[in-house]
PDB file of N, CA and C in Angstrom:
ATOM      1  N   MET A   1       9.433   1.205 -12.589  1.00  0.00           N
ATOM      2  CA  MET A   1       9.493   2.351 -11.701  1.00  0.00           C
ATOM      3  C   MET A   1       8.069   2.742 -11.319  1.00  0.00           C
ATOM      4  N   SER A   2       7.812   2.951 -10.051  1.00  0.00           N
ATOM      5  CA  SER A   2       6.461   3.287  -9.623  1.00  0.00           C
ATOM      6  C   SER A   2       6.226   4.785  -9.740  1.00  0.00           C
ATOM      7  N   GLU A   3       4.956   5.152  -9.578  1.00  0.00           N
ATOM      8  CA  GLU A   3       4.623   6.563  -9.651  1.00  0.00           C
ATOM      9  C   GLU A   3       5.161   7.324  -8.447  1.00  0.00           C
ATOM     10  N   LEU A   4       5.664   6.617  -7.436  1.00  0.00           N
ATOM     11  CA  LEU A   4       6.186   7.273  -6.256  1.00  0.00           C
ATOM     12  C   LEU A   4       7.709   7.285  -6.210  1.00  0.00           C
ATOM     13  N   ASP A   5       8.366   6.647  -7.180  1.00  0.00           N
ATOM     14  CA  ASP A   5       9.816   6.554  -7.161  1.00  0.00           C
ATOM     15  C   ASP A   5      10.509   7.892  -7.359  1.00  0.00           C
ATOM     16  N   THR A   6       9.839   8.808  -7.978  1.00  0.00           N
ATOM     17  CA  THR A   6      10.427  10.122  -8.197  1.00  0.00           C
ATOM     18  C   THR A   6       9.517  11.171  -7.594  1.00  0.00           C
ATOM     19  N   LYS A   7      10.062  12.343  -7.380  1.00  0.00           N
ATOM     20  CA  LYS A   7       9.275  13.434  -6.809  1.00  0.00           C
ATOM     21  C   LYS A   7       8.220  13.941  -7.778  1.00  0.00           C
ATOM     22  N   THR A   8       8.464  13.798  -9.058  1.00  0.00           N
ATOM     23  CA  THR A   8       7.497  14.278 -10.037  1.00  0.00           C
ATOM     24  C   THR A   8       7.123  13.158 -10.979  1.00  0.00           C
ATOM     25  N   SER A   9       5.898  13.179 -11.423  1.00  0.00           N
ATOM     26  CA  SER A   9       5.450  12.176 -12.378  1.00  0.00           C
ATOM     27  C   SER A   9       5.798  12.637 -13.786  1.00  0.00           C
ATOM     28  N   ALA A  10       5.415  11.849 -14.773  1.00  0.00           N
ATOM     29  CA  ALA A  10       5.733  12.178 -16.156  1.00  0.00           C
ATOM     30  C   ALA A  10       5.130  13.521 -16.565  1.00  0.00           C
ATOM     31  N   SER A  11       4.010  13.898 -15.955  1.00  0.00           N
ATOM     32  CA  SER A  11       3.371  15.162 -16.318  1.00  0.00           C
ATOM     33  C   SER A  11       4.014  16.355 -15.632  1.00  0.00           C
ATOM     34  N   GLY A  12       4.957  16.095 -14.720  1.00  0.00           N
ATOM     35  CA  GLY A  12       5.658  17.200 -14.084  1.00  0.00           C
ATOM     36  C   GLY A  12       5.163  17.526 -12.694  1.00  0.00           C
ATOM     37  N   ASP A  13       4.077  16.892 -12.235  1.00  0.00           N
ATOM     38  CA  ASP A  13       3.666  17.105 -10.857  1.00  0.00           C
ATOM     39  C   ASP A  13       3.206  15.788 -10.260  1.00  0.00           C
ATOM     40  N   ASP A  14       3.185  15.711  -8.933  1.00  0.00           N
ATOM     41  CA  ASP A  14       2.821  14.475  -8.268  1.00  0.00           C
ATOM     42  C   ASP A  14       1.510  14.616  -7.510  1.00  0.00           C
ATOM     43  N   SER A  15       0.678  15.562  -7.908  1.00  0.00           N
ATOM     44  CA  SER A  15      -0.561  15.815  -7.196  1.00  0.00           C
ATOM     45  C   SER A  15      -1.566  14.681  -7.355  1.00  0.00           C
ATOM     46  N   ASP A  16      -1.368  13.789  -8.318  1.00  0.00           N
ATOM     47  CA  ASP A  16      -2.290  12.676  -8.495  1.00  0.00           C
ATOM     48  C   ASP A  16      -2.032  11.536  -7.514  1.00  0.00           C
ATOM     49  N   VAL A  17      -0.941  11.590  -6.764  1.00  0.00           N
ATOM     50  CA  VAL A  17      -0.624  10.575  -5.764  1.00  0.00           C
ATOM     51  C   VAL A  17      -1.056  11.108  -4.398  1.00  0.00           C
ATOM     52  N   PRO A  18      -1.994  10.415  -3.750  1.00  0.00           N
ATOM     53  CA  PRO A  18      -2.484  10.889  -2.451  1.00  0.00           C
ATOM     54  C   PRO A  18      -1.370  10.975  -1.408  1.00  0.00           C
ATOM     55  N   VAL A  19      -1.499  11.937  -0.534  1.00  0.00           N
ATOM     56  CA  VAL A  19      -0.504  12.156   0.518  1.00  0.00           C
ATOM     57  C   VAL A  19      -0.345  10.905   1.382  1.00  0.00           C
ATOM     58  N   GLU A  20      -1.459  10.252   1.718  1.00  0.00           N
ATOM     59  CA  GLU A  20      -1.389   9.055   2.560  1.00  0.00           C
ATOM     60  C   GLU A  20      -0.563   7.958   1.895  1.00  0.00           C
ATOM     61  N   MET A  21      -0.704   7.848   0.570  1.00  0.00           N
ATOM     62  CA  MET A  21       0.042   6.820  -0.155  1.00  0.00           C
ATOM     63  C   MET A  21       1.533   7.158  -0.162  1.00  0.00           C
ATOM     64  N   ARG A  22       1.865   8.418  -0.312  1.00  0.00           N
ATOM     65  CA  ARG A  22       3.282   8.827  -0.266  1.00  0.00           C
ATOM     66  C   ARG A  22       3.882   8.544   1.096  1.00  0.00           C
ATOM     67  N   LYS A  23       3.108   8.824   2.154  1.00  0.00           N
ATOM     68  CA  LYS A  23       3.609   8.572   3.508  1.00  0.00           C
ATOM     69  C   LYS A  23       3.859   7.082   3.731  1.00  0.00           C
ATOM     70  N   LEU A  24       2.917   6.252   3.299  1.00  0.00           N
ATOM     71  CA  LEU A  24       3.099   4.813   3.471  1.00  0.00           C
ATOM     72  C   LEU A  24       4.246   4.305   2.609  1.00  0.00           C
ATOM     73  N   TYR A  25       4.414   4.863   1.427  1.00  0.00           N
ATOM     74  CA  TYR A  25       5.538   4.494   0.566  1.00  0.00           C
ATOM     75  C   TYR A  25       6.856   4.775   1.293  1.00  0.00           C
ATOM     76  N   GLY A  26       6.964   5.940   1.917  1.00  0.00           N
ATOM     77  CA  GLY A  26       8.171   6.279   2.666  1.00  0.00           C
ATOM     78  C   GLY A  26       8.405   5.324   3.830  1.00  0.00           C
ATOM     79  N   ARG A  27       7.338   4.993   4.540  1.00  0.00           N
ATOM     80  CA  ARG A  27       7.430   4.049   5.658  1.00  0.00           C
ATOM     81  C   ARG A  27       7.881   2.679   5.169  1.00  0.00           C
ATOM     82  N   LEU A  28       7.312   2.233   4.059  1.00  0.00           N
ATOM     83  CA  LEU A  28       7.674   0.935   3.498  1.00  0.00           C
ATOM     84  C   LEU A  28       9.119   0.931   3.000  1.00  0.00           C
ATOM     85  N   GLN A  29       9.549   2.003   2.372  1.00  0.00           N
ATOM     86  CA  GLN A  29      10.932   2.085   1.891  1.00  0.00           C
ATOM     87  C   GLN A  29      11.919   2.082   3.052  1.00  0.00           C
ATOM     88  N   ARG A  30      11.604   2.796   4.141  1.00  0.00           N
ATOM     89  CA  ARG A  30      12.480   2.775   5.323  1.00  0.00           C
ATOM     90  C   ARG A  30      12.596   1.357   5.869  1.00  0.00           C
ATOM     91  N   TRP A  31      11.446   0.650   5.952  1.00  0.00           N
ATOM     92  CA  TRP A  31      11.487  -0.732   6.428  1.00  0.00           C
ATOM     93  C   TRP A  31      12.324  -1.595   5.489  1.00  0.00           C
ATOM     94  N   ARG A  32      12.118  -1.436   4.184  1.00  0.00           N
ATOM     95  CA  ARG A  32      12.878  -2.242   3.220  1.00  0.00           C
ATOM     96  C   ARG A  32      14.374  -1.961   3.323  1.00  0.00           C
ATOM     97  N   ASP A  33      14.764  -0.732   3.554  1.00  0.00           N
ATOM     98  CA  ASP A  33      16.179  -0.375   3.674  1.00  0.00           C
ATOM     99  C   ASP A  33      16.810  -0.942   4.942  1.00  0.00           C
ATOM    100  N   GLN A  34      16.019  -1.096   6.006  1.00  0.00           N
ATOM    101  CA  GLN A  34      16.560  -1.514   7.302  1.00  0.00           C
ATOM    102  C   GLN A  34      16.427  -3.001   7.584  1.00  0.00           C
ATOM    103  N   ARG A  35      15.628  -3.713   6.819  1.00  0.00           N
ATOM    104  CA  ARG A  35      15.390  -5.125   7.108  1.00  0.00           C
ATOM    105  C   ARG A  35      16.653  -5.952   6.868  1.00  0.00           C
ATOM    106  N   LYS A  36      16.668  -7.086   7.507  1.00  0.00           N
ATOM    107  CA  LYS A  36      17.774  -8.015   7.332  1.00  0.00           C
ATOM    108  C   LYS A  36      17.200  -9.301   6.760  1.00  0.00           C
ATOM    109  N   GLY A  37      17.761  -9.742   5.661  1.00  0.00           N
ATOM    110  CA  GLY A  37      17.287 -10.981   5.051  1.00  0.00           C
ATOM    111  C   GLY A  37      15.918 -10.837   4.414  1.00  0.00           C
ATOM    112  N   ARG A  38      15.134 -11.909   4.540  1.00  0.00           N
ATOM    113  CA  ARG A  38      13.824 -11.952   3.902  1.00  0.00           C
ATOM    114  C   ARG A  38      12.718 -11.850   4.939  1.00  0.00           C
ATOM    115  N   GLN A  39      12.741 -10.809   5.732  1.00  0.00           N
ATOM    116  CA  GLN A  39      11.703 -10.614   6.734  1.00  0.00           C
ATOM    117  C   GLN A  39      10.367 -10.308   6.071  1.00  0.00           C
ATOM    118  N   ARG A  40       9.302 -10.698   6.755  1.00  0.00           N
ATOM    119  CA  ARG A  40       7.965 -10.382   6.270  1.00  0.00           C
ATOM    120  C   ARG A  40       7.653  -8.907   6.509  1.00  0.00           C
ATOM    121  N   ILE A  41       6.843  -8.357   5.630  1.00  0.00           N
ATOM    122  CA  ILE A  41       6.394  -6.977   5.808  1.00  0.00           C
ATOM    123  C   ILE A  41       5.525  -6.942   7.063  1.00  0.00           C
ATOM    124  N   PRO A  42       5.755  -5.978   7.958  1.00  0.00           N
ATOM    125  CA  PRO A  42       4.994  -5.908   9.206  1.00  0.00           C
ATOM    126  C   PRO A  42       3.485  -5.765   8.967  1.00  0.00           C
ATOM    127  N   ALA A  43       2.711  -6.350   9.885  1.00  0.00           N
ATOM    128  CA  ALA A  43       1.253  -6.329   9.779  1.00  0.00           C
ATOM    129  C   ALA A  43       0.704  -4.906   9.723  1.00  0.00           C
ATOM    130  N   GLY A  44       1.330  -3.974  10.418  1.00  0.00           N
ATOM    131  CA  GLY A  44       0.865  -2.588  10.412  1.00  0.00           C
ATOM    132  C   GLY A  44       0.949  -1.946   9.038  1.00  0.00           C
ATOM    133  N   ILE A  45       1.988  -2.294   8.296  1.00  0.00           N
ATOM    134  CA  ILE A  45       2.134  -1.769   6.940  1.00  0.00           C
ATOM    135  C   ILE A  45       1.084  -2.395   6.029  1.00  0.00           C
ATOM    136  N   TRP A  46       0.870  -3.714   6.157  1.00  0.00           N
ATOM    137  CA  TRP A  46      -0.170  -4.370   5.352  1.00  0.00           C
ATOM    138  C   TRP A  46      -1.535  -3.783   5.653  1.00  0.00           C
ATOM    139  N   SER A  47      -1.795  -3.542   6.920  1.00  0.00           N
ATOM    140  CA  SER A  47      -3.089  -2.993   7.318  1.00  0.00           C
ATOM    141  C   SER A  47      -3.305  -1.604   6.714  1.00  0.00           C
ATOM    142  N   ALA A  48      -2.291  -0.765   6.785  1.00  0.00           N
ATOM    143  CA  ALA A  48      -2.384   0.580   6.205  1.00  0.00           C
ATOM    144  C   ALA A  48      -2.554   0.499   4.686  1.00  0.00           C
ATOM    145  N   ALA A  49      -1.849  -0.431   4.047  1.00  0.00           N
ATOM    146  CA  ALA A  49      -1.976  -0.611   2.600  1.00  0.00           C
ATOM    147  C   ALA A  49      -3.378  -1.098   2.250  1.00  0.00           C
ATOM    148  N   GLY A  50      -3.944  -1.965   3.081  1.00  0.00           N
ATOM    149  CA  GLY A  50      -5.303  -2.449   2.860  1.00  0.00           C
ATOM    150  C   GLY A  50      -6.324  -1.332   2.926  1.00  0.00           C
ATOM    151  N   ARG A  51      -6.150  -0.426   3.879  1.00  0.00           N
ATOM    152  CA  ARG A  51      -7.055   0.737   3.981  1.00  0.00           C
ATOM    153  C   ARG A  51      -6.950   1.599   2.730  1.00  0.00           C
ATOM    154  N   LEU A  52      -5.724   1.833   2.274  1.00  0.00           N
ATOM    155  CA  LEU A  52      -5.534   2.623   1.052  1.00  0.00           C
ATOM    156  C   LEU A  52      -6.140   1.922  -0.163  1.00  0.00           C
ATOM    157  N   ALA A  53      -6.003   0.603  -0.218  1.00  0.00           N
ATOM    158  CA  ALA A  53      -6.530  -0.159  -1.355  1.00  0.00           C
ATOM    159  C   ALA A  53      -8.050  -0.068  -1.417  1.00  0.00           C
ATOM    160  N   ARG A  54      -8.705  -0.066  -0.277  1.00  0.00           N
ATOM    161  CA  ARG A  54     -10.162   0.064  -0.277  1.00  0.00           C
ATOM    162  C   ARG A  54     -10.587   1.438  -0.777  1.00  0.00           C
ATOM    163  N   GLU A  55      -9.760   2.419  -0.542  1.00  0.00           N
ATOM    164  CA  GLU A  55     -10.092   3.785  -0.967  1.00  0.00           C
ATOM    165  C   GLU A  55      -9.648   4.092  -2.402  1.00  0.00           C
ATOM    166  N   HIS A  56      -8.493   3.583  -2.817  1.00  0.00           N
ATOM    167  CA  HIS A  56      -7.895   3.978  -4.095  1.00  0.00           C
ATOM    168  C   HIS A  56      -7.759   2.847  -5.112  1.00  0.00           C
ATOM    169  N   SER A  57      -8.122   1.643  -4.791  1.00  0.00           N
ATOM    170  CA  SER A  57      -8.077   0.431  -5.607  1.00  0.00           C
ATOM    171  C   SER A  57      -6.819  -0.383  -5.296  1.00  0.00           C
ATOM    172  N   VAL A  58      -7.027  -1.678  -5.307  1.00  0.00           N
ATOM    173  CA  VAL A  58      -5.929  -2.613  -5.028  1.00  0.00           C
ATOM    174  C   VAL A  58      -4.839  -2.464  -6.082  1.00  0.00           C
ATOM    175  N   ASN A  59      -5.234  -2.349  -7.336  1.00  0.00           N
ATOM    176  CA  ASN A  59      -4.254  -2.251  -8.422  1.00  0.00           C
ATOM    177  C   ASN A  59      -3.352  -1.031  -8.257  1.00  0.00           C
ATOM    178  N   ARG A  60      -3.943   0.117  -8.014  1.00  0.00           N
ATOM    179  CA  ARG A  60      -3.145   1.343  -7.892  1.00  0.00           C
ATOM    180  C   ARG A  60      -2.167   1.260  -6.726  1.00  0.00           C
ATOM    181  N   VAL A  61      -2.651   0.778  -5.581  1.00  0.00           N
ATOM    182  CA  VAL A  61      -1.794   0.706  -4.394  1.00  0.00           C
ATOM    183  C   VAL A  61      -0.707  -0.353  -4.571  1.00  0.00           C
ATOM    184  N   SER A  62      -1.067  -1.510  -5.118  1.00  0.00           N
ATOM    185  CA  SER A  62      -0.052  -2.559  -5.288  1.00  0.00           C
ATOM    186  C   SER A  62       1.050  -2.119  -6.245  1.00  0.00           C
ATOM    187  N   GLN A  63       0.697  -1.404  -7.290  1.00  0.00           N
ATOM    188  CA  GLN A  63       1.716  -0.909  -8.222  1.00  0.00           C
ATOM    189  C   GLN A  63       2.566   0.185  -7.596  1.00  0.00           C
ATOM    190  N   ALA A  64       1.934   1.127  -6.925  1.00  0.00           N
ATOM    191  CA  ALA A  64       2.674   2.247  -6.345  1.00  0.00           C
ATOM    192  C   ALA A  64       3.615   1.817  -5.226  1.00  0.00           C
ATOM    193  N   LEU A  65       3.164   0.856  -4.415  1.00  0.00           N
ATOM    194  CA  LEU A  65       3.964   0.435  -3.262  1.00  0.00           C
ATOM    195  C   LEU A  65       4.778  -0.825  -3.521  1.00  0.00           C
ATOM    196  N   HIS A  66       4.663  -1.389  -4.723  1.00  0.00           N
ATOM    197  CA  HIS A  66       5.383  -2.621  -5.078  1.00  0.00           C
ATOM    198  C   HIS A  66       5.010  -3.755  -4.130  1.00  0.00           C
ATOM    199  N   LEU A  67       3.696  -3.948  -3.938  1.00  0.00           N
ATOM    200  CA  LEU A  67       3.196  -5.024  -3.100  1.00  0.00           C
ATOM    201  C   LEU A  67       2.495  -6.057  -3.967  1.00  0.00           C
ATOM    202  N   GLU A  68       2.490  -7.294  -3.514  1.00  0.00           N
ATOM    203  CA  GLU A  68       1.876  -8.385  -4.257  1.00  0.00           C
ATOM    204  C   GLU A  68       0.361  -8.175  -4.295  1.00  0.00           C
ATOM    205  N   PHE A  69      -0.224  -8.141  -5.494  1.00  0.00           N
ATOM    206  CA  PHE A  69      -1.622  -7.792  -5.717  1.00  0.00           C
ATOM    207  C   PHE A  69      -2.591  -8.675  -4.934  1.00  0.00           C
ATOM    208  N   ASN A  70      -2.454  -9.992  -5.061  1.00  0.00           N
ATOM    209  CA  ASN A  70      -3.414 -10.901  -4.429  1.00  0.00           C
ATOM    210  C   ASN A  70      -3.370 -10.841  -2.911  1.00  0.00           C
ATOM    211  N   ARG A  71      -2.182 -10.693  -2.355  1.00  0.00           N
ATOM    212  CA  ARG A  71      -2.078 -10.558  -0.889  1.00  0.00           C
ATOM    213  C   ARG A  71      -2.744  -9.267  -0.443  1.00  0.00           C
ATOM    214  N   LEU A  72      -2.498  -8.174  -1.154  1.00  0.00           N
ATOM    215  CA  LEU A  72      -3.108  -6.898  -0.804  1.00  0.00           C
ATOM    216  C   LEU A  72      -4.626  -6.971  -0.935  1.00  0.00           C
ATOM    217  N   LYS A  73      -5.090  -7.651  -1.959  1.00  0.00           N
ATOM    218  CA  LYS A  73      -6.533  -7.811  -2.150  1.00  0.00           C
ATOM    219  C   LYS A  73      -7.153  -8.547  -0.961  1.00  0.00           C
ATOM    220  N   ARG A  74      -6.498  -9.633  -0.505  1.00  0.00           N
ATOM    221  CA  ARG A  74      -7.003 -10.373   0.658  1.00  0.00           C
ATOM    222  C   ARG A  74      -7.011  -9.504   1.911  1.00  0.00           C
ATOM    223  N   VAL A  75      -5.954  -8.717   2.101  1.00  0.00           N
ATOM    224  CA  VAL A  75      -5.876  -7.839   3.278  1.00  0.00           C
ATOM    225  C   VAL A  75      -6.991  -6.797   3.228  1.00  0.00           C
ATOM    226  N   ALA A  76      -7.202  -6.206   2.068  1.00  0.00           N
ATOM    227  CA  ALA A  76      -8.239  -5.187   1.919  1.00  0.00           C
ATOM    228  C   ALA A  76      -9.627  -5.772   2.157  1.00  0.00           C
ATOM    229  N   GLU A  77      -9.878  -6.961   1.625  1.00  0.00           N
ATOM    230  CA  GLU A  77     -11.178  -7.604   1.805  1.00  0.00           C
ATOM    231  C   GLU A  77     -11.398  -8.018   3.253  1.00  0.00           C
ATOM    232  N   ALA A  78     -10.375  -8.524   3.910  1.00  0.00           N
ATOM    233  CA  ALA A  78     -10.501  -8.950   5.301  1.00  0.00           C
ATOM    234  C   ALA A  78     -10.778  -7.755   6.205  1.00  0.00           C
ATOM    235  N   ALA A  79     -10.095  -6.667   5.991  1.00  0.00           N
ATOM    236  CA  ALA A  79     -10.300  -5.478   6.807  1.00  0.00           C
ATOM    237  C   ALA A  79     -11.682  -4.897   6.561  1.00  0.00           C
ATOM    238  N   ASP A  80     -12.146  -4.969   5.316  1.00  0.00           N
ATOM    239  CA  ASP A  80     -13.478  -4.472   4.985  1.00  0.00           C
ATOM    240  C   ASP A  80     -14.533  -5.290   5.717  1.00  0.00           C
ATOM    241  N   GLY A  81     -14.302  -6.576   5.835  1.00  0.00           N
ATOM    242  CA  GLY A  81     -15.234  -7.447   6.541  1.00  0.00           C
ATOM    243  C   GLY A  81     -15.283  -7.173   8.027  1.00  0.00           C
ATOM    244  N   ASN A  82     -14.197  -6.653   8.594  1.00  0.00           N
ATOM    245  CA  ASN A  82     -14.136  -6.372  10.018  1.00  0.00           C
ATOM    246  C   ASN A  82     -14.668  -4.995  10.387  1.00  0.00           C
ATOM    247  N   SER A  83     -15.063  -4.203   9.393  1.00  0.00           N
ATOM    248  CA  SER A  83     -15.472  -2.825   9.680  1.00  0.00           C
ATOM    249  C   SER A  83     -16.973  -2.678   9.850  1.00  0.00           C
ATOM    250  N   GLY A  84     -17.661  -3.766  10.193  1.00  0.00           N
ATOM    251  CA  GLY A  84     -19.079  -3.672  10.447  1.00  0.00           C
ATOM    252  C   GLY A  84     -19.928  -4.175   9.306  1.00  0.00           C
ATOM    253  N   GLY A  85     -19.320  -4.484   8.186  1.00  0.00           N
ATOM    254  CA  GLY A  85     -20.057  -5.013   7.038  1.00  0.00           C
ATOM    255  C   GLY A  85     -20.224  -6.505   7.194  1.00  0.00           C
ATOM    256  N   LYS A  86     -19.794  -7.233   6.184  1.00  0.00           N
ATOM    257  CA  LYS A  86     -19.870  -8.695   6.229  1.00  0.00           C
ATOM    258  C   LYS A  86     -18.896  -9.233   7.273  1.00  0.00           C
ATOM    259  N   THR A  87     -19.263 -10.328   7.891  1.00  0.00           N
ATOM    260  CA  THR A  87     -18.334 -10.966   8.821  1.00  0.00           C
ATOM    261  C   THR A  87     -17.826 -12.249   8.209  1.00  0.00           C
ATOM    262  N   LYS A  88     -16.539 -12.499   8.361  1.00  0.00           N
ATOM    263  CA  LYS A  88     -15.920 -13.713   7.835  1.00  0.00           C
ATOM    264  C   LYS A  88     -15.605 -14.629   8.998  1.00  0.00           C
ATOM    265  N   LYS A  89     -15.832 -15.914   8.794  1.00  0.00           N
ATOM    266  CA  LYS A  89     -15.503 -16.891   9.844  1.00  0.00           C
ATOM    267  C   LYS A  89     -14.562 -17.913   9.311  1.00  0.00           C
TER     268      LYS A  89
END
């Protein structure tokens, strides 16, 4: 069970989960509920998850959103490279 699966965490409040992460969790859950078969997660969701991972850590975001760690890490690193820092070819 992720830290976002319930409205409250074990300590009784959910203030430790950033609002942006909760919003993306809701968006991802809606997509998961509506998808048919084994569709890929949309690029927009991966991109948003990558931004969150750069801010809050890949581990925290992958656990909270139930996303594959290594894929999220690659997305976060690729987006970081496109933001004016290192360039990847």
